[in-house]
Amino acid sequence: MGTLKLRIVPNAKRDEVVGEYADAVKLKVAAPVVEGKANAAVLEFIAEKLGIHPRAVSLIAGEKSRDKIVAVESVDSDEARRRLLAQ
């Protein structure tokens, strides 16, 4: 299991990987910051990009922050980061 540091920009026009932000991967998500919708969108987007089941991605820290840490099962941290940034 690996972990990813993320920097999230909610309310974007579309879901996309923007690039690197310090030691994190910067993502834009279209979902608003209401009732956890942006968090759910982030987890679903990461699962889709990594080609894994959505239940294999979980939020560890940053529930109410733009800076988040997520756990990814079956993919190590370096591989997950490489796959996200390659797209």
PDB file of N, CA and C in Angstrom:
ATOM      1  N   MET A   1       0.851  -1.178   0.000  1.00  0.00           N
ATOM      2  CA  MET A   1       0.000   0.000   0.000  1.00  0.00           C
ATOM      3  C   MET A   1       0.892   1.235   0.000  1.00  0.00           C
ATOM      4  N   GLY A   2       0.476   2.221  -0.788  1.00  0.00           N
ATOM      5  CA  GLY A   2       1.219   3.457  -0.857  1.00  0.00           C
ATOM      6  C   GLY A   2       0.363   4.633  -0.449  1.00  0.00           C
ATOM      7  N   THR A   3       1.010   5.768  -0.260  1.00  0.00           N
ATOM      8  CA  THR A   3       0.281   6.993   0.065  1.00  0.00           C
ATOM      9  C   THR A   3       0.659   8.076  -0.948  1.00  0.00           C
ATOM     10  N   LEU A   4      -0.260   8.992  -1.153  1.00  0.00           N
ATOM     11  CA  LEU A   4      -0.036  10.116  -2.046  1.00  0.00           C
ATOM     12  C   LEU A   4      -0.362  11.410  -1.338  1.00  0.00           C
ATOM     13  N   LYS A   5       0.494  12.402  -1.499  1.00  0.00           N
ATOM     14  CA  LYS A   5       0.179  13.753  -1.025  1.00  0.00           C
ATOM     15  C   LYS A   5      -0.440  14.487  -2.200  1.00  0.00           C
ATOM     16  N   LEU A   6      -1.564  15.145  -1.933  1.00  0.00           N
ATOM     17  CA  LEU A   6      -2.290  15.839  -2.985  1.00  0.00           C
ATOM     18  C   LEU A   6      -2.567  17.278  -2.599  1.00  0.00           C
ATOM     19  N   ARG A   7      -2.629  18.138  -3.592  1.00  0.00           N
ATOM     20  CA  ARG A   7      -3.093  19.523  -3.435  1.00  0.00           C
ATOM     21  C   ARG A   7      -4.306  19.630  -4.348  1.00  0.00           C
ATOM     22  N   ILE A   8      -5.461  19.968  -3.793  1.00  0.00           N
ATOM     23  CA  ILE A   8      -6.718  19.936  -4.523  1.00  0.00           C
ATOM     24  C   ILE A   8      -7.218  21.344  -4.825  1.00  0.00           C
ATOM     25  N   VAL A   9      -7.723  21.530  -6.045  1.00  0.00           N
ATOM     26  CA  VAL A   9      -8.399  22.760  -6.448  1.00  0.00           C
ATOM     27  C   VAL A   9      -9.835  22.359  -6.795  1.00  0.00           C
ATOM     28  N   PRO A  10     -10.795  22.640  -5.916  1.00  0.00           N
ATOM     29  CA  PRO A  10     -12.189  22.274  -6.191  1.00  0.00           C
ATOM     30  C   PRO A  10     -12.867  23.281  -7.113  1.00  0.00           C
ATOM     31  N   ASN A  11     -14.075  22.965  -7.550  1.00  0.00           N
ATOM     32  CA  ASN A  11     -14.890  23.841  -8.395  1.00  0.00           C
ATOM     33  C   ASN A  11     -14.231  24.167  -9.735  1.00  0.00           C
ATOM     34  N   ALA A  12     -13.438  23.254 -10.266  1.00  0.00           N
ATOM     35  CA  ALA A  12     -12.774  23.473 -11.555  1.00  0.00           C
ATOM     36  C   ALA A  12     -13.745  23.144 -12.693  1.00  0.00           C
ATOM     37  N   LYS A  13     -13.346  23.473 -13.902  1.00  0.00           N
ATOM     38  CA  LYS A  13     -14.191  23.158 -15.059  1.00  0.00           C
ATOM     39  C   LYS A  13     -14.250  21.664 -15.323  1.00  0.00           C
ATOM     40  N   ARG A  14     -13.135  20.964 -15.048  1.00  0.00           N
ATOM     41  CA  ARG A  14     -13.101  19.510 -15.255  1.00  0.00           C
ATOM     42  C   ARG A  14     -12.087  18.889 -14.301  1.00  0.00           C
ATOM     43  N   ASP A  15     -12.167  17.577 -14.157  1.00  0.00           N
ATOM     44  CA  ASP A  15     -11.217  16.840 -13.331  1.00  0.00           C
ATOM     45  C   ASP A  15      -9.946  16.623 -14.133  1.00  0.00           C
ATOM     46  N   GLU A  16      -8.799  16.996 -13.541  1.00  0.00           N
ATOM     47  CA  GLU A  16      -7.534  16.797 -14.240  1.00  0.00           C
ATOM     48  C   GLU A  16      -6.352  16.871 -13.286  1.00  0.00           C
ATOM     49  N   VAL A  17      -5.259  16.233 -13.709  1.00  0.00           N
ATOM     50  CA  VAL A  17      -3.989  16.336 -12.995  1.00  0.00           C
ATOM     51  C   VAL A  17      -3.287  17.558 -13.553  1.00  0.00           C
ATOM     52  N   VAL A  18      -2.922  18.496 -12.679  1.00  0.00           N
ATOM     53  CA  VAL A  18      -2.284  19.736 -13.116  1.00  0.00           C
ATOM     54  C   VAL A  18      -0.769  19.565 -13.189  1.00  0.00           C
ATOM     55  N   GLY A  19      -0.199  18.861 -12.230  1.00  0.00           N
ATOM     56  CA  GLY A  19       1.245  18.675 -12.183  1.00  0.00           C
ATOM     57  C   GLY A  19       1.700  18.539 -10.753  1.00  0.00           C
ATOM     58  N   GLU A  20       2.906  18.992 -10.486  1.00  0.00           N
ATOM     59  CA  GLU A  20       3.459  18.898  -9.142  1.00  0.00           C
ATOM     60  C   GLU A  20       3.283  20.211  -8.405  1.00  0.00           C
ATOM     61  N   TYR A  21       3.115  20.108  -7.099  1.00  0.00           N
ATOM     62  CA  TYR A  21       2.994  21.267  -6.218  1.00  0.00           C
ATOM     63  C   TYR A  21       3.826  20.936  -4.991  1.00  0.00           C
ATOM     64  N   ALA A  22       5.034  21.469  -4.919  1.00  0.00           N
ATOM     65  CA  ALA A  22       6.005  21.112  -3.877  1.00  0.00           C
ATOM     66  C   ALA A  22       6.204  19.597  -3.929  1.00  0.00           C
ATOM     67  N   ASP A  23       5.892  18.878  -2.846  1.00  0.00           N
ATOM     68  CA  ASP A  23       6.066  17.416  -2.846  1.00  0.00           C
ATOM     69  C   ASP A  23       4.746  16.688  -3.070  1.00  0.00           C
ATOM     70  N   ALA A  24       3.727  17.406  -3.552  1.00  0.00           N
ATOM     71  CA  ALA A  24       2.406  16.822  -3.775  1.00  0.00           C
ATOM     72  C   ALA A  24       2.055  16.821  -5.257  1.00  0.00           C
ATOM     73  N   VAL A  25       1.022  16.064  -5.597  1.00  0.00           N
ATOM     74  CA  VAL A  25       0.458  16.078  -6.945  1.00  0.00           C
ATOM     75  C   VAL A  25      -0.751  17.002  -6.896  1.00  0.00           C
ATOM     76  N   LYS A  26      -0.809  17.959  -7.801  1.00  0.00           N
ATOM     77  CA  LYS A  26      -1.906  18.930  -7.807  1.00  0.00           C
ATOM     78  C   LYS A  26      -3.003  18.450  -8.747  1.00  0.00           C
ATOM     79  N   LEU A  27      -4.237  18.399  -8.214  1.00  0.00           N
ATOM     80  CA  LEU A  27      -5.398  17.966  -8.977  1.00  0.00           C
ATOM     81  C   LEU A  27      -6.462  19.042  -8.984  1.00  0.00           C
ATOM     82  N   LYS A  28      -7.183  19.139 -10.088  1.00  0.00           N
ATOM     83  CA  LYS A  28      -8.379  19.974 -10.150  1.00  0.00           C
ATOM     84  C   LYS A  28      -9.574  19.035 -10.237  1.00  0.00           C
ATOM     85  N   VAL A  29     -10.615  19.332  -9.460  1.00  0.00           N
ATOM     86  CA  VAL A  29     -11.843  18.545  -9.522  1.00  0.00           C
ATOM     87  C   VAL A  29     -13.026  19.481  -9.710  1.00  0.00           C
ATOM     88  N   ALA A  30     -13.994  19.039 -10.483  1.00  0.00           N
ATOM     89  CA  ALA A  30     -15.164  19.852 -10.780  1.00  0.00           C
ATOM     90  C   ALA A  30     -16.140  19.917  -9.607  1.00  0.00           C
ATOM     91  N   ALA A  31     -16.078  18.963  -8.723  1.00  0.00           N
ATOM     92  CA  ALA A  31     -17.030  18.889  -7.603  1.00  0.00           C
ATOM     93  C   ALA A  31     -16.845  20.059  -6.639  1.00  0.00           C
ATOM     94  N   PRO A  32     -17.946  20.524  -6.065  1.00  0.00           N
ATOM     95  CA  PRO A  32     -17.868  21.610  -5.080  1.00  0.00           C
ATOM     96  C   PRO A  32     -17.457  21.095  -3.705  1.00  0.00           C
ATOM     97  N   VAL A  33     -17.046  22.016  -2.864  1.00  0.00           N
ATOM     98  CA  VAL A  33     -16.664  21.674  -1.494  1.00  0.00           C
ATOM     99  C   VAL A  33     -17.923  21.715  -0.622  1.00  0.00           C
ATOM    100  N   VAL A  34     -18.816  20.772  -0.834  1.00  0.00           N
ATOM    101  CA  VAL A  34     -20.073  20.707  -0.090  1.00  0.00           C
ATOM    102  C   VAL A  34     -20.321  19.257   0.287  1.00  0.00           C
ATOM    103  N   GLU A  35     -20.514  19.009   1.565  1.00  0.00           N
ATOM    104  CA  GLU A  35     -20.861  17.677   2.066  1.00  0.00           C
ATOM    105  C   GLU A  35     -19.917  16.577   1.577  1.00  0.00           C
ATOM    106  N   GLY A  36     -18.645  16.880   1.447  1.00  0.00           N
ATOM    107  CA  GLY A  36     -17.659  15.879   1.065  1.00  0.00           C
ATOM    108  C   GLY A  36     -17.649  15.492  -0.404  1.00  0.00           C
ATOM    109  N   LYS A  37     -18.354  16.247  -1.235  1.00  0.00           N
ATOM    110  CA  LYS A  37     -18.415  15.904  -2.662  1.00  0.00           C
ATOM    111  C   LYS A  37     -17.050  15.992  -3.327  1.00  0.00           C
ATOM    112  N   ALA A  38     -16.265  16.990  -2.980  1.00  0.00           N
ATOM    113  CA  ALA A  38     -14.930  17.123  -3.581  1.00  0.00           C
ATOM    114  C   ALA A  38     -14.030  15.970  -3.146  1.00  0.00           C
ATOM    115  N   ASN A  39     -14.098  15.573  -1.892  1.00  0.00           N
ATOM    116  CA  ASN A  39     -13.291  14.444  -1.413  1.00  0.00           C
ATOM    117  C   ASN A  39     -13.658  13.166  -2.160  1.00  0.00           C
ATOM    118  N   ALA A  40     -14.949  12.918  -2.312  1.00  0.00           N
ATOM    119  CA  ALA A  40     -15.401  11.724  -3.036  1.00  0.00           C
ATOM    120  C   ALA A  40     -14.932  11.769  -4.488  1.00  0.00           C
ATOM    121  N   ALA A  41     -14.997  12.938  -5.103  1.00  0.00           N
ATOM    122  CA  ALA A  41     -14.557  13.087  -6.491  1.00  0.00           C
ATOM    123  C   ALA A  41     -13.058  12.833  -6.629  1.00  0.00           C
ATOM    124  N   VAL A  42     -12.287  13.295  -5.658  1.00  0.00           N
ATOM    125  CA  VAL A  42     -10.832  13.075  -5.678  1.00  0.00           C
ATOM    126  C   VAL A  42     -10.526  11.580  -5.622  1.00  0.00           C
ATOM    127  N   LEU A  43     -11.161  10.874  -4.702  1.00  0.00           N
ATOM    128  CA  LEU A  43     -10.902   9.439  -4.545  1.00  0.00           C
ATOM    129  C   LEU A  43     -11.306   8.663  -5.804  1.00  0.00           C
ATOM    130  N   GLU A  44     -12.445   9.014  -6.365  1.00  0.00           N
ATOM    131  CA  GLU A  44     -12.915   8.352  -7.578  1.00  0.00           C
ATOM    132  C   GLU A  44     -11.986   8.647  -8.759  1.00  0.00           C
ATOM    133  N   PHE A  45     -11.550   9.894  -8.878  1.00  0.00           N
ATOM    134  CA  PHE A  45     -10.653  10.295  -9.965  1.00  0.00           C
ATOM    135  C   PHE A  45      -9.322   9.548  -9.874  1.00  0.00           C
ATOM    136  N   ILE A  46      -8.764   9.448  -8.685  1.00  0.00           N
ATOM    137  CA  ILE A  46      -7.486   8.750  -8.508  1.00  0.00           C
ATOM    138  C   ILE A  46      -7.630   7.275  -8.866  1.00  0.00           C
ATOM    139  N   ALA A  47      -8.704   6.646  -8.405  1.00  0.00           N
ATOM    140  CA  ALA A  47      -8.936   5.234  -8.721  1.00  0.00           C
ATOM    141  C   ALA A  47      -9.035   5.027 -10.231  1.00  0.00           C
ATOM    142  N   GLU A  48      -9.759   5.913 -10.895  1.00  0.00           N
ATOM    143  CA  GLU A  48      -9.915   5.811 -12.348  1.00  0.00           C
ATOM    144  C   GLU A  48      -8.575   5.964 -13.058  1.00  0.00           C
ATOM    145  N   LYS A  49      -7.799   6.952 -12.669  1.00  0.00           N
ATOM    146  CA  LYS A  49      -6.508   7.204 -13.320  1.00  0.00           C
ATOM    147  C   LYS A  49      -5.507   6.082 -13.078  1.00  0.00           C
ATOM    148  N   LEU A  50      -5.584   5.456 -11.897  1.00  0.00           N
ATOM    149  CA  LEU A  50      -4.643   4.386 -11.577  1.00  0.00           C
ATOM    150  C   LEU A  50      -5.146   3.019 -12.028  1.00  0.00           C
ATOM    151  N   GLY A  51      -6.397   2.956 -12.486  1.00  0.00           N
ATOM    152  CA  GLY A  51      -6.950   1.692 -12.948  1.00  0.00           C
ATOM    153  C   GLY A  51      -7.212   0.702 -11.836  1.00  0.00           C
ATOM    154  N   ILE A  52      -7.614   1.209 -10.675  1.00  0.00           N
ATOM    155  CA  ILE A  52      -7.915   0.333  -9.540  1.00  0.00           C
ATOM    156  C   ILE A  52      -9.351   0.574  -9.076  1.00  0.00           C
ATOM    157  N   HIS A  53      -9.833  -0.317  -8.234  1.00  0.00           N
ATOM    158  CA  HIS A  53     -11.201  -0.207  -7.722  1.00  0.00           C
ATOM    159  C   HIS A  53     -11.308   1.007  -6.796  1.00  0.00           C
ATOM    160  N   PRO A  54     -12.408   1.754  -6.848  1.00  0.00           N
ATOM    161  CA  PRO A  54     -12.560   2.936  -5.981  1.00  0.00           C
ATOM    162  C   PRO A  54     -12.402   2.644  -4.489  1.00  0.00           C
ATOM    163  N   ARG A  55     -12.763   1.445  -4.061  1.00  0.00           N
ATOM    164  CA  ARG A  55     -12.597   1.109  -2.642  1.00  0.00           C
ATOM    165  C   ARG A  55     -11.136   0.926  -2.239  1.00  0.00           C
ATOM    166  N   ALA A  56     -10.243   0.871  -3.223  1.00  0.00           N
ATOM    167  CA  ALA A  56      -8.814   0.710  -2.942  1.00  0.00           C
ATOM    168  C   ALA A  56      -8.137   2.046  -2.644  1.00  0.00           C
ATOM    169  N   VAL A  57      -8.901   3.140  -2.689  1.00  0.00           N
ATOM    170  CA  VAL A  57      -8.369   4.473  -2.410  1.00  0.00           C
ATOM    171  C   VAL A  57      -9.142   5.053  -1.227  1.00  0.00           C
ATOM    172  N   SER A  58      -8.411   5.524  -0.213  1.00  0.00           N
ATOM    173  CA  SER A  58      -9.086   6.102   0.955  1.00  0.00           C
ATOM    174  C   SER A  58      -8.354   7.348   1.444  1.00  0.00           C
ATOM    175  N   LEU A  59      -9.121   8.243   2.023  1.00  0.00           N
ATOM    176  CA  LEU A  59      -8.588   9.494   2.555  1.00  0.00           C
ATOM    177  C   LEU A  59      -8.026   9.250   3.948  1.00  0.00           C
ATOM    178  N   ILE A  60      -6.760   9.598   4.146  1.00  0.00           N
ATOM    179  CA  ILE A  60      -6.118   9.431   5.452  1.00  0.00           C
ATOM    180  C   ILE A  60      -6.157  10.737   6.233  1.00  0.00           C
ATOM    181  N   ALA A  61      -5.840  11.835   5.563  1.00  0.00           N
ATOM    182  CA  ALA A  61      -5.770  13.134   6.244  1.00  0.00           C
ATOM    183  C   ALA A  61      -6.187  14.239   5.280  1.00  0.00           C
ATOM    184  N   GLY A  62      -6.712  15.335   5.840  1.00  0.00           N
ATOM    185  CA  GLY A  62      -7.046  16.501   5.051  1.00  0.00           C
ATOM    186  C   GLY A  62      -8.486  16.579   4.619  1.00  0.00           C
ATOM    187  N   GLU A  63      -9.376  16.028   5.401  1.00  0.00           N
ATOM    188  CA  GLU A  63     -10.789  16.006   5.032  1.00  0.00           C
ATOM    189  C   GLU A  63     -11.344  17.393   4.724  1.00  0.00           C
ATOM    190  N   LYS A  64     -10.897  18.405   5.476  1.00  0.00           N
ATOM    191  CA  LYS A  64     -11.396  19.766   5.271  1.00  0.00           C
ATOM    192  C   LYS A  64     -10.299  20.717   4.808  1.00  0.00           C
ATOM    193  N   SER A  65      -9.318  20.164   4.116  1.00  0.00           N
ATOM    194  CA  SER A  65      -8.179  20.951   3.666  1.00  0.00           C
ATOM    195  C   SER A  65      -7.938  20.708   2.175  1.00  0.00           C
ATOM    196  N   ARG A  66      -7.270  21.643   1.525  1.00  0.00           N
ATOM    197  CA  ARG A  66      -6.870  21.419   0.132  1.00  0.00           C
ATOM    198  C   ARG A  66      -5.709  20.440   0.044  1.00  0.00           C
ATOM    199  N   ASP A  67      -4.939  20.347   1.116  1.00  0.00           N
ATOM    200  CA  ASP A  67      -3.825  19.397   1.176  1.00  0.00           C
ATOM    201  C   ASP A  67      -4.328  18.096   1.783  1.00  0.00           C
ATOM    202  N   LYS A  68      -4.199  17.006   1.030  1.00  0.00           N
ATOM    203  CA  LYS A  68      -4.735  15.721   1.462  1.00  0.00           C
ATOM    204  C   LYS A  68      -3.680  14.637   1.344  1.00  0.00           C
ATOM    205  N   ILE A  69      -3.868  13.601   2.125  1.00  0.00           N
ATOM    206  CA  ILE A  69      -3.053  12.397   2.006  1.00  0.00           C
ATOM    207  C   ILE A  69      -4.028  11.245   1.804  1.00  0.00           C
ATOM    208  N   VAL A  70      -3.811  10.484   0.734  1.00  0.00           N
ATOM    209  CA  VAL A  70      -4.670   9.341   0.447  1.00  0.00           C
ATOM    210  C   VAL A  70      -3.843   8.062   0.435  1.00  0.00           C
ATOM    211  N   ALA A  71      -4.478   6.978   0.852  1.00  0.00           N
ATOM    212  CA  ALA A  71      -3.861   5.655   0.802  1.00  0.00           C
ATOM    213  C   ALA A  71      -4.340   4.952  -0.450  1.00  0.00           C
ATOM    214  N   VAL A  72      -3.418   4.274  -1.113  1.00  0.00           N
ATOM    215  CA  VAL A  72      -3.737   3.550  -2.342  1.00  0.00           C
ATOM    216  C   VAL A  72      -3.283   2.108  -2.164  1.00  0.00           C
ATOM    217  N   GLU A  73      -4.234   1.177  -2.211  1.00  0.00           N
ATOM    218  CA  GLU A  73      -3.898  -0.244  -2.082  1.00  0.00           C
ATOM    219  C   GLU A  73      -3.421  -0.786  -3.419  1.00  0.00           C
ATOM    220  N   SER A  74      -2.572  -1.755  -3.381  1.00  0.00           N
ATOM    221  CA  SER A  74      -2.054  -2.502  -4.539  1.00  0.00           C
ATOM    222  C   SER A  74      -1.116  -1.709  -5.454  1.00  0.00           C
ATOM    223  N   VAL A  75      -0.821  -0.466  -5.102  1.00  0.00           N
ATOM    224  CA  VAL A  75       0.137   0.335  -5.875  1.00  0.00           C
ATOM    225  C   VAL A  75       1.012   1.076  -4.868  1.00  0.00           C
ATOM    226  N   ASP A  76       2.335   1.037  -5.056  1.00  0.00           N
ATOM    227  CA  ASP A  76       3.181   1.764  -4.109  1.00  0.00           C
ATOM    228  C   ASP A  76       3.183   3.257  -4.433  1.00  0.00           C
ATOM    229  N   SER A  77       3.688   4.046  -3.513  1.00  0.00           N
ATOM    230  CA  SER A  77       3.634   5.506  -3.607  1.00  0.00           C
ATOM    231  C   SER A  77       4.299   6.049  -4.866  1.00  0.00           C
ATOM    232  N   ASP A  78       5.494   5.581  -5.155  1.00  0.00           N
ATOM    233  CA  ASP A  78       6.236   6.083  -6.324  1.00  0.00           C
ATOM    234  C   ASP A  78       5.528   5.743  -7.628  1.00  0.00           C
ATOM    235  N   GLU A  79       5.014   4.530  -7.722  1.00  0.00           N
ATOM    236  CA  GLU A  79       4.320   4.098  -8.932  1.00  0.00           C
ATOM    237  C   GLU A  79       3.025   4.888  -9.126  1.00  0.00           C
ATOM    238  N   ALA A  80       2.279   5.104  -8.052  1.00  0.00           N
ATOM    239  CA  ALA A  80       1.031   5.871  -8.138  1.00  0.00           C
ATOM    240  C   ALA A  80       1.312   7.301  -8.591  1.00  0.00           C
ATOM    241  N   ARG A  81       2.312   7.907  -8.013  1.00  0.00           N
ATOM    242  CA  ARG A  81       2.677   9.286  -8.384  1.00  0.00           C
ATOM    243  C   ARG A  81       3.116   9.362  -9.852  1.00  0.00           C
ATOM    244  N   ARG A  82       3.931   8.386 -10.265  1.00  0.00           N
ATOM    245  CA  ARG A  82       4.411   8.354 -11.651  1.00  0.00           C
ATOM    246  C   ARG A  82       3.243   8.223 -12.624  1.00  0.00           C
ATOM    247  N   ARG A  83       2.296   7.335 -12.312  1.00  0.00           N
ATOM    248  CA  ARG A  83       1.143   7.135 -13.198  1.00  0.00           C
ATOM    249  C   ARG A  83       0.274   8.385 -13.297  1.00  0.00           C
ATOM    250  N   LEU A  84       0.053   9.059 -12.176  1.00  0.00           N
ATOM    251  CA  LEU A  84      -0.764  10.261 -12.203  1.00  0.00           C
ATOM    252  C   LEU A  84      -0.103  11.372 -13.018  1.00  0.00           C
ATOM    253  N   LEU A  85       1.179  11.562 -12.826  1.00  0.00           N
ATOM    254  CA  LEU A  85       1.887  12.643 -13.511  1.00  0.00           C
ATOM    255  C   LEU A  85       2.145  12.341 -14.989  1.00  0.00           C
ATOM    256  N   ALA A  86       2.112  11.068 -15.360  1.00  0.00           N
ATOM    257  CA  ALA A  86       2.361  10.686 -16.755  1.00  0.00           C
ATOM    258  C   ALA A  86       1.165  10.974 -17.652  1.00  0.00           C
ATOM    259  N   GLN A  87       0.015  11.221 -17.074  1.00  0.00           N
ATOM    260  CA  GLN A  87      -1.200  11.379 -17.885  1.00  0.00           C
ATOM    261  C   GLN A  87      -1.492  12.796 -18.221  1.00  0.00           C
TER     262      GLN A  87
END
